[in-house]
Amino acid sequence: MLKLNNSYQVINLFKLKRYTFDLMKKKLFFVFVLAALGMHTVAQVDESKDSLYAEEEYVEEESNLVEETFMSSRVINGHSVEMLRKGVLEFRVEHRFGDIAGSNGGVQTLFGLDNSSDIRIAFEYGITNNLMVGIGRSKGAGNPYTSLMDGFAKYRLLQQEKKGMPFSMVLVGTSSMSYAKASSDESLVQNYPKFGHRFAYCAQLNVARKFGERLSVAIMPTVVHRNYVLQSDVNTLFALGGALRCGLTSKTAILLEYYHCFNPSGTRLMNTNSLGIAFEWITFGHNFTINLTNSRGFGETQFIPYTYEDWLKGQFRLGFCIGRKYQGE
């Protein structure tokens, strides 16, 4: 009887182990099926995610807006239609040397490098993609202003589209103020009988179009008003500016800029028209421009009414501008 019981126990133990083994196989198979289904689901999610990203990239590439008509918020002396994007801060350093040739240039001044016509340091900021402001300080060219503070606001009214709007349009308002010590000579502009006489203003409508990938053209009707001028001068002037950008590569270009100042009826202004040519080079986060211009000062309230130099007499100078952009979080 004892041996029989032991046989039954062995048989039952064998059946129990076999049952357990079959159950484990079924569980492993079930787990394997779940894992395979899970991997398939994840793969589908990843594929849909990739498709979504690809669709977003495709939409971005197929944007109807025309970008980078000009590569900087400035051409050479004046503004362009370009805007800083929202949250972008730009630090700008601009410098003008002395005359390369003429009576004030030549070898004795190392073609103007010994002299400094003007220096400007500025900060500009994009409030929105269509609105930016800036403030700067310049030494002043000295004819007639020195120790200048300037500021501007710039608003984009229209932006060129690939299908639709044929051009971009920007409204620019600038002002400048001299905080130099007033002169005791009442015949000079620098006498400043009143504090308001230190101010000058400018309003500009900037219209530009980009033709293909290399060529951009702009026209800039501009009004300049100075609160205090000489008796032989006029307070308000009208000028028509024109600009051209010709891309050489994706990072380099040649720039041309010209402002023609119109004499009011019955007056004869002594100033000449501002003309500049520049080489532009774009690097990561930087915009670098080397220019030649007959203008000494910076900003529309300076170079439009107070350019007296003549290119044909060698009265033009080397200058440069470095812009560095900082993107906020």
Foldseek 3Di string as FASTA:
>chain_A
DVVVVVVVVVVVVVVVVVVVVVVVVVVVVVVVVVVVVVVVVVVVVVVVVVVVVVVVVVCVVVFFFDPCLDVDQAQQFGGALADDAAQKKKKKKKWWFFFQDFPPHDVVCPSRNVGTQKIKIKMKHDNHRFKIKMKMWMQHNPLPAGGKIKMKIKGWDDTDTNPDRFKTKMKMKMKMFGPDDADPDPQDLSNCPDRQQRMKIKIKIKIKGHDPDFKIKIKIWMKIAGPTDGPLDDGIWIKMKIKMWGDPDPFKIKIKIKIDIDDPPPHDAQADIKIKIWIWGDDVQKIKIKMKIQARDHDPNGRGRPRRDDVVSSNITIMMMMMGMDHDD
